[in-house]
Amino acid sequence: MRPETWGWIDPIMIASNELDNETNTEVYVPVETQVEWLVDRAVAQTELSGTDESDKKVAILYYSHGC
C-alpha cells in the first residue's frame, strides 16, 4: 500500500528549479498559487483543531485503481 492511499502524505509542488539565462545558473522559483494554497490549508487545519467535535464533518473517499 502506498502512503498516499492512507492519507499519510499529500505531495504538492511549491517550486521548481529553472535556468536563469542572465547568470546561467539554476534558481529556485516558487509557484505562487501553490504556496498560497499550502498556507491556506495549514491555517484551516489549525482552525479545525479549535472547532467543536459536533461542528466537524467527515468525508469518506473510496476509489479503486485496478491492481
Protein backbone atom coordinates (compact mmCIF):
# COMPACT_ATOMS: atom_id res chain seq x y z
CA MET A 1 0.00 0.00 0.00
CA ARG A 2 1.26 3.44 -0.87
CA PRO A 3 1.31 6.13 1.83
CA GLU A 4 -0.85 8.39 -0.37
CA THR A 5 -3.74 5.93 -0.20
CA TRP A 6 -3.72 6.10 3.60
CA GLY A 7 -3.58 9.90 3.64
CA TRP A 8 -0.17 9.95 5.30
CA ILE A 9 1.32 12.28 2.72
CA ASP A 10 -0.11 14.79 0.31
CA PRO A 11 2.55 15.81 -2.22
CA ILE A 12 2.35 19.30 -3.68
CA MET A 13 4.79 21.14 -5.93
CA ILE A 14 5.56 24.54 -4.43
CA ALA A 15 8.62 25.47 -6.50
CA SER A 16 10.81 24.44 -9.40
CA ASN A 17 14.40 24.79 -10.48
CA GLU A 18 14.69 27.00 -13.54
CA LEU A 19 17.62 28.26 -15.53
CA ASP A 20 18.42 31.96 -15.18
CA ASN A 21 19.58 32.96 -18.65
CA GLU A 22 21.48 36.02 -17.44
CA THR A 23 23.65 34.18 -14.92
CA ASN A 24 23.38 30.70 -16.49
CA THR A 25 22.62 29.23 -13.07
CA GLU A 26 19.67 27.34 -11.67
CA VAL A 27 17.32 29.30 -9.44
CA TYR A 28 14.55 28.08 -7.14
CA VAL A 29 11.27 29.66 -8.32
CA PRO A 30 8.14 29.40 -6.14
CA VAL A 31 4.75 28.60 -7.67
CA GLU A 32 2.77 31.39 -6.02
CA THR A 33 -0.67 29.76 -6.26
CA GLN A 34 0.61 26.51 -4.75
CA VAL A 35 2.35 28.31 -1.88
CA GLU A 36 -0.84 30.27 -1.13
CA TRP A 37 -2.89 27.05 -1.24
CA LEU A 38 -0.49 25.35 1.19
CA VAL A 39 -0.59 28.29 3.62
CA ASP A 40 -4.40 28.41 3.45
CA ARG A 41 -4.56 24.67 4.14
CA ALA A 42 -2.23 24.97 7.14
CA VAL A 43 -4.37 27.78 8.57
CA ALA A 44 -7.57 25.75 8.01
CA GLN A 45 -6.09 22.71 9.77
CA THR A 46 -5.01 24.88 12.68
CA GLU A 47 -8.51 26.39 12.96
CA LEU A 48 -10.05 22.92 12.75
CA SER A 49 -8.25 21.86 15.91
CA GLY A 50 -10.19 24.52 17.81
CA THR A 51 -13.57 23.55 16.33
CA ASP A 52 -16.08 21.64 18.48
CA GLU A 53 -16.34 17.97 17.54
CA SER A 54 -20.07 18.36 16.86
CA ASP A 55 -19.32 21.00 14.21
CA LYS A 56 -16.80 18.87 12.29
CA LYS A 57 -17.75 16.92 9.17
CA VAL A 58 -16.24 13.68 7.90
CA ALA A 59 -15.75 12.64 4.28
CA ILE A 60 -15.02 9.06 3.31
CA LEU A 61 -13.38 8.68 -0.08
CA TYR A 62 -13.31 5.36 -1.87
CA TYR A 63 -11.53 4.59 -5.07
CA SER A 64 -10.04 1.59 -6.78
CA HIS A 65 -7.11 1.94 -9.09
CA GLY A 66 -7.50 -1.56 -10.54
CA CYS A 67 -4.47 -3.51 -9.37
